[in-house]
C-alpha atoms as a PDB file:
ATOM      1  CA  MET A   1      -6.761   0.391 -25.286  1.00  0.00           C
ATOM      2  CA  THR A   2      -6.757   4.059 -24.132  1.00  0.00           C
ATOM      3  CA  GLY A   3      -8.188   4.492 -20.545  1.00  0.00           C
ATOM      4  CA  ILE A   4      -7.835   0.921 -19.500  1.00  0.00           C
ATOM      5  CA  SER A   5      -4.816  -0.297 -17.583  1.00  0.00           C
ATOM      6  CA  ARG A   6      -3.883  -3.840 -16.551  1.00  0.00           C
ATOM      7  CA  ILE A   7      -2.679  -4.061 -13.086  1.00  0.00           C
ATOM      8  CA  ASP A   8      -0.450  -7.086 -13.019  1.00  0.00           C
ATOM      9  CA  PRO A   9       1.222  -8.117  -9.786  1.00  0.00           C
ATOM     10  CA  ALA A  10       4.017 -10.008 -11.832  1.00  0.00           C
ATOM     11  CA  ALA A  11       5.194  -6.612 -12.871  1.00  0.00           C
ATOM     12  CA  LEU A  12       6.760  -6.132  -9.516  1.00  0.00           C
ATOM     13  CA  VAL A  13       9.496  -8.513 -10.421  1.00  0.00           C
ATOM     14  CA  SER A  14      11.069  -5.914 -12.660  1.00  0.00           C
ATOM     15  CA  ALA A  15      10.623  -3.021 -10.250  1.00  0.00           C
ATOM     16  CA  PRO A  16      13.796  -2.200  -8.339  1.00  0.00           C
ATOM     17  CA  LEU A  17      13.941  -2.946  -4.649  1.00  0.00           C
ATOM     18  CA  VAL A  18      14.406   0.499  -2.923  1.00  0.00           C
ATOM     19  CA  PRO A  19      14.503   1.791   0.722  1.00  0.00           C
ATOM     20  CA  GLU A  20      11.015   3.225   1.829  1.00  0.00           C
ATOM     21  CA  GLY A  21      10.910   4.336   5.366  1.00  0.00           C
ATOM     22  CA  ALA A  22      11.755   1.311   7.609  1.00  0.00           C
ATOM     23  CA  THR A  23      11.921  -1.318   4.926  1.00  0.00           C
ATOM     24  CA  MET A  24      12.817  -2.270   1.420  1.00  0.00           C
ATOM     25  CA  THR A  25       9.891  -2.126  -1.116  1.00  0.00           C
ATOM     26  CA  ARG A  26       8.928  -2.537  -4.837  1.00  0.00           C
ATOM     27  CA  THR A  27       6.237  -0.406  -6.493  1.00  0.00           C
ATOM     28  CA  HIS A  28       4.763  -0.791  -9.883  1.00  0.00           C
ATOM     29  CA  GLU A  29       2.465   2.184 -10.789  1.00  0.00           C
ATOM     30  CA  ALA A  30       0.296   0.643 -13.537  1.00  0.00           C
ATOM     31  CA  ALA A  31      -2.204   3.519 -13.858  1.00  0.00           C
ATOM     32  CA  PRO A  32      -1.289   7.032 -13.288  1.00  0.00           C
ATOM     33  CA  LEU A  33      -4.882   8.396 -13.696  1.00  0.00           C
ATOM     34  CA  GLY A  34      -4.221  12.117 -13.176  1.00  0.00           C
ATOM     35  CA  ASP A  35      -5.386  14.568 -10.697  1.00  0.00           C
ATOM     36  CA  GLY A  36      -3.525  12.692  -7.851  1.00  0.00           C
ATOM     37  CA  LEU A  37      -5.126   9.403  -8.465  1.00  0.00           C
ATOM     38  CA  SER A  38      -2.966   6.285  -9.170  1.00  0.00           C
ATOM     39  CA  ALA A  39      -3.279   2.534  -9.025  1.00  0.00           C
ATOM     40  CA  GLY A  40      -0.725  -0.365  -8.985  1.00  0.00           C
ATOM     41  CA  THR A  41       0.986  -3.143  -7.021  1.00  0.00           C
ATOM     42  CA  TRP A  42       3.355  -2.696  -4.129  1.00  0.00           C
ATOM     43  CA  TYR A  43       5.707  -5.109  -2.242  1.00  0.00           C
ATOM     44  CA  ALA A  44       7.459  -4.677   1.071  1.00  0.00           C
ATOM     45  CA  GLU A  45       9.646  -6.857   3.329  1.00  0.00           C
ATOM     46  CA  PRO A  46       8.496  -7.196   6.958  1.00  0.00           C
ATOM     47  CA  PHE A  47       8.635  -4.000   9.075  1.00  0.00           C
ATOM     48  CA  ARG A  48       6.711  -1.968  11.658  1.00  0.00           C
ATOM     49  CA  GLU A  49       6.358   1.720  11.476  1.00  0.00           C
ATOM     50  CA  GLU A  50       4.472   4.235  13.618  1.00  0.00           C
ATOM     51  CA  ILE A  51       2.811   6.871  11.291  1.00  0.00           C
ATOM     52  CA  ALA A  52       1.659  10.107  12.877  1.00  0.00           C
ATOM     53  CA  ALA A  53      -0.567  11.007   9.841  1.00  0.00           C
ATOM     54  CA  TYR A  54      -1.060   8.719   6.859  1.00  0.00           C
ATOM     55  CA  PRO A  55       0.089  10.765   3.842  1.00  0.00           C
ATOM     56  CA  VAL A  56      -2.614   9.754   1.307  1.00  0.00           C
ATOM     57  CA  ASP A  57      -6.025   8.261   0.918  1.00  0.00           C
ATOM     58  CA  GLU A  58      -5.485   4.655   0.092  1.00  0.00           C
ATOM     59  CA  VAL A  59      -7.638   1.608  -0.796  1.00  0.00           C
ATOM     60  CA  CYS A  60      -5.760  -1.895  -0.691  1.00  0.00           C
ATOM     61  CA  VAL A  61      -6.358  -5.413  -1.390  1.00  0.00           C
ATOM     62  CA  LEU A  62      -3.750  -7.759   0.007  1.00  0.00           C
ATOM     63  CA  ILE A  63      -2.377 -10.308  -2.457  1.00  0.00           C
ATOM     64  CA  GLU A  64      -0.124 -12.135  -0.097  1.00  0.00           C
ATOM     65  CA  GLY A  65       1.080 -11.709   3.473  1.00  0.00           C
ATOM     66  CA  ARG A  66      -0.271 -10.418   6.636  1.00  0.00           C
ATOM     67  CA  LEU A  67      -0.723  -6.938   7.910  1.00  0.00           C
ATOM     68  CA  ILE A  68      -1.885  -5.552  11.339  1.00  0.00           C
ATOM     69  CA  LEU A  69      -3.014  -1.916  11.529  1.00  0.00           C
ATOM     70  CA  ARG A  70      -3.211  -0.361  15.040  1.00  0.00           C
ATOM     71  CA  SER A  71      -4.953   2.683  16.191  1.00  0.00           C
ATOM     72  CA  PRO A  72      -3.472   4.938  18.813  1.00  0.00           C
ATOM     73  CA  ASP A  73      -5.892   3.528  21.350  1.00  0.00           C
ATOM     74  CA  GLY A  74      -4.545  -0.040  20.736  1.00  0.00           C
ATOM     75  CA  THR A  75      -7.432  -1.355  18.607  1.00  0.00           C
ATOM     76  CA  ALA A  76      -5.953  -3.591  15.902  1.00  0.00           C
ATOM     77  CA  GLN A  77      -7.392  -4.942  12.621  1.00  0.00           C
ATOM     78  CA  GLU A  78      -5.674  -7.740  10.884  1.00  0.00           C
ATOM     79  CA  PHE A  79      -5.827  -8.375   7.136  1.00  0.00           C
ATOM     80  CA  GLY A  80      -4.731 -11.351   4.917  1.00  0.00           C
ATOM     81  CA  PRO A  81      -4.764 -12.410   1.304  1.00  0.00           C
ATOM     82  CA  GLY A  82      -8.011 -11.290  -0.454  1.00  0.00           C
ATOM     83  CA  GLU A  83      -8.943  -8.775   2.234  1.00  0.00           C
ATOM     84  CA  ALA A  84      -9.575  -5.131   1.489  1.00  0.00           C
ATOM     85  CA  PHE A  85      -9.093  -1.978   3.588  1.00  0.00           C
ATOM     86  CA  ALA A  86      -9.098   1.749   3.256  1.00  0.00           C
ATOM     87  CA  ILE A  87      -6.939   4.348   5.142  1.00  0.00           C
ATOM     88  CA  ALA A  88      -8.074   8.032   5.152  1.00  0.00           C
ATOM     89  CA  LYS A  89      -5.307  10.678   4.877  1.00  0.00           C
ATOM     90  CA  GLY A  90      -4.202  12.005   8.164  1.00  0.00           C
ATOM     91  CA  THR A  91      -5.117   8.834  10.150  1.00  0.00           C
ATOM     92  CA  PRO A  92      -2.572   8.037  12.878  1.00  0.00           C
ATOM     93  CA  LEU A  93      -1.672   4.348  13.009  1.00  0.00           C
ATOM     94  CA  VAL A  94       0.997   1.681  13.486  1.00  0.00           C
ATOM     95  CA  TRP A  95       1.672  -0.376  10.348  1.00  0.00           C
ATOM     96  CA  ASP A  96       2.799  -3.777  11.707  1.00  0.00           C
ATOM     97  CA  GLN A  97       3.834  -6.135   8.837  1.00  0.00           C
ATOM     98  CA  PRO A  98       5.209  -9.308  10.210  1.00  0.00           C
ATOM     99  CA  THR A  99       5.574 -10.984   6.858  1.00  0.00           C
ATOM    100  CA  ALA A 100       6.386  -9.690   3.318  1.00  0.00           C
ATOM    101  CA  VAL A 101       3.332  -8.185   1.809  1.00  0.00           C
ATOM    102  CA  ARG A 102       2.100  -7.745  -1.884  1.00  0.00           C
ATOM    103  CA  LYS A 103      -0.960  -5.541  -2.383  1.00  0.00           C
ATOM    104  CA  PHE A 104      -3.092  -3.838  -4.979  1.00  0.00           C
ATOM    105  CA  TYR A 105      -3.416  -0.149  -4.234  1.00  0.00           C
ATOM    106  CA  VAL A 106      -5.366   2.892  -5.320  1.00  0.00           C
ATOM    107  CA  ILE A 107      -3.900   6.225  -3.989  1.00  0.00           C
ATOM    108  CA  ARG A 108      -5.349   9.652  -3.941  1.00  0.00           C
ATOM    109  CA  GLU A 109      -2.677  12.354  -3.345  1.00  0.00           C
ATOM    110  CA  ALA A 110      -2.961  16.067  -3.724  1.00  0.00           C
ATOM    111  CA  ALA A 111      -2.905  16.928  -7.468  1.00  0.00           C
ATOM    112  CA  THR A 112       0.308  18.242  -8.634  1.00  0.00           C
END
């Protein structure tokens, strides 16, 4: 069906495990929607990374694992399975992922 894409977390199994920043990840982009908008599933092994400016606008729903996002002032928000969050492009944060995480994502990047 044109215009409708299934976003299946099981598709991550066939995605290659590749280095991304401080960890190893798998990404399955299920819906390249155009104009810089995409959706899919993502997996990453545990890691912690300071990000000076988040590179994209992103909305996520955790499927499994635990994630703590910390602001420069030390404020922390913790997320677990079934919880959703959004990060605005340019946001400084610490991505603290003490467990492996799987998530659904929708990302808006600058259109290419």
